[in-house]
Amino acid sequence: MSGGADDIANSDELTAKAHISWSTGSHNGGAVPVFAVGAGSELFSGKMDNTDIPKKICEAMGITYAPAK
């Protein structure tokens, strides 16, 4: 391992030692309700892609969305 976060997350050694799995085995594309109250809550109405949630949080806070690199 080189020590990067991706190496750790995908490490067979970590998976074995922690007795974890990186898949759900039953994941589906079902809708998940998201609730918001207060200033900016109007941004969270109707259906949206889950990747839009952090963008809308930033918009509600009045800051620029900057995804991690």
C-alpha atoms as a PDB file:
ATOM      1  CA  MET A   1       0.000   0.000   0.000  1.00  0.00           C
ATOM      2  CA  SER A   2       1.141   3.509  -0.762  1.00  0.00           C
ATOM      3  CA  GLY A   3      -0.815   5.007   2.126  1.00  0.00           C
ATOM      4  CA  GLY A   4      -3.358   7.000   0.121  1.00  0.00           C
ATOM      5  CA  ALA A   5      -7.007   7.075   1.127  1.00  0.00           C
ATOM      6  CA  ASP A   6      -8.043   5.114  -1.967  1.00  0.00           C
ATOM      7  CA  ASP A   7      -5.480   2.429  -1.167  1.00  0.00           C
ATOM      8  CA  ILE A   8      -6.826   2.112   2.364  1.00  0.00           C
ATOM      9  CA  ALA A   9     -10.466   1.995   1.261  1.00  0.00           C
ATOM     10  CA  ASN A  10      -9.771  -0.692  -1.327  1.00  0.00           C
ATOM     11  CA  SER A  11      -7.254  -2.714   0.621  1.00  0.00           C
ATOM     12  CA  ASP A  12      -7.912  -6.458   0.729  1.00  0.00           C
ATOM     13  CA  GLU A  13      -5.901  -6.548   3.959  1.00  0.00           C
ATOM     14  CA  LEU A  14      -8.123  -3.940   5.636  1.00  0.00           C
ATOM     15  CA  THR A  15     -11.255  -5.689   4.405  1.00  0.00           C
ATOM     16  CA  ALA A  16     -10.106  -9.009   5.837  1.00  0.00           C
ATOM     17  CA  LYS A  17      -8.914  -7.603   9.185  1.00  0.00           C
ATOM     18  CA  ALA A  18     -12.029  -5.495   9.735  1.00  0.00           C
ATOM     19  CA  HIS A  19     -14.377  -8.259   8.557  1.00  0.00           C
ATOM     20  CA  ILE A  20     -16.196  -5.829   6.275  1.00  0.00           C
ATOM     21  CA  SER A  21     -17.532  -5.833   2.752  1.00  0.00           C
ATOM     22  CA  TRP A  22     -17.513  -2.941   0.293  1.00  0.00           C
ATOM     23  CA  SER A  23     -20.886  -3.845  -1.190  1.00  0.00           C
ATOM     24  CA  THR A  24     -24.377  -4.116   0.184  1.00  0.00           C
ATOM     25  CA  GLY A  25     -25.518  -7.176  -1.711  1.00  0.00           C
ATOM     26  CA  SER A  26     -28.998  -5.652  -1.780  1.00  0.00           C
ATOM     27  CA  HIS A  27     -28.489  -2.043  -2.879  1.00  0.00           C
ATOM     28  CA  ASN A  28     -31.171  -0.666  -5.142  1.00  0.00           C
ATOM     29  CA  GLY A  29     -32.024   2.603  -6.792  1.00  0.00           C
ATOM     30  CA  GLY A  30     -35.034   3.281  -4.599  1.00  0.00           C
ATOM     31  CA  ALA A  31     -35.907   6.831  -3.630  1.00  0.00           C
ATOM     32  CA  VAL A  32     -34.759   8.010  -0.205  1.00  0.00           C
ATOM     33  CA  PRO A  33     -36.634  10.849   1.504  1.00  0.00           C
ATOM     34  CA  VAL A  34     -34.618  13.950   2.397  1.00  0.00           C
ATOM     35  CA  PHE A  35     -36.025  16.528   4.781  1.00  0.00           C
ATOM     36  CA  ALA A  36     -34.918  20.087   5.414  1.00  0.00           C
ATOM     37  CA  VAL A  37     -36.250  22.850   7.645  1.00  0.00           C
ATOM     38  CA  GLY A  38     -35.265  26.482   7.977  1.00  0.00           C
ATOM     39  CA  ALA A  39     -33.477  28.853   5.634  1.00  0.00           C
ATOM     40  CA  GLY A  40     -32.864  27.263   2.246  1.00  0.00           C
ATOM     41  CA  SER A  41     -35.203  24.339   2.876  1.00  0.00           C
ATOM     42  CA  GLU A  42     -37.130  25.235  -0.298  1.00  0.00           C
ATOM     43  CA  LEU A  43     -34.116  23.988  -2.266  1.00  0.00           C
ATOM     44  CA  PHE A  44     -34.869  20.449  -1.118  1.00  0.00           C
ATOM     45  CA  SER A  45     -38.198  19.763  -2.777  1.00  0.00           C
ATOM     46  CA  GLY A  46     -39.155  17.135  -5.300  1.00  0.00           C
ATOM     47  CA  LYS A  47     -36.861  14.480  -6.680  1.00  0.00           C
ATOM     48  CA  MET A  48     -33.133  15.160  -6.934  1.00  0.00           C
ATOM     49  CA  ASP A  49     -29.945  13.271  -7.580  1.00  0.00           C
ATOM     50  CA  ASN A  50     -28.077  12.390  -4.391  1.00  0.00           C
ATOM     51  CA  THR A  51     -24.994  14.184  -5.720  1.00  0.00           C
ATOM     52  CA  ASP A  52     -26.983  17.438  -5.754  1.00  0.00           C
ATOM     53  CA  ILE A  53     -27.506  17.416  -1.981  1.00  0.00           C
ATOM     54  CA  PRO A  54     -24.083  18.857  -0.998  1.00  0.00           C
ATOM     55  CA  LYS A  55     -24.453  21.465  -3.767  1.00  0.00           C
ATOM     56  CA  LYS A  56     -27.811  22.541  -2.386  1.00  0.00           C
ATOM     57  CA  ILE A  57     -26.434  22.659   1.173  1.00  0.00           C
ATOM     58  CA  CYS A  58     -23.678  24.998  -0.015  1.00  0.00           C
ATOM     59  CA  GLU A  59     -26.204  27.104  -1.907  1.00  0.00           C
ATOM     60  CA  ALA A  60     -28.357  27.388   1.217  1.00  0.00           C
ATOM     61  CA  MET A  61     -25.271  28.465   3.181  1.00  0.00           C
ATOM     62  CA  GLY A  62     -24.295  31.038   0.552  1.00  0.00           C
ATOM     63  CA  ILE A  63     -20.954  29.395  -0.195  1.00  0.00           C
ATOM     64  CA  THR A  64     -19.445  28.015  -3.397  1.00  0.00           C
ATOM     65  CA  TYR A  65     -19.542  24.256  -3.799  1.00  0.00           C
ATOM     66  CA  ALA A  66     -16.028  22.888  -4.215  1.00  0.00           C
ATOM     67  CA  PRO A  67     -15.849  19.080  -4.428  1.00  0.00           C
ATOM     68  CA  ALA A  68     -12.799  17.356  -2.965  1.00  0.00           C
ATOM     69  CA  LYS A  69     -10.085  16.529  -5.434  1.00  0.00           C
END
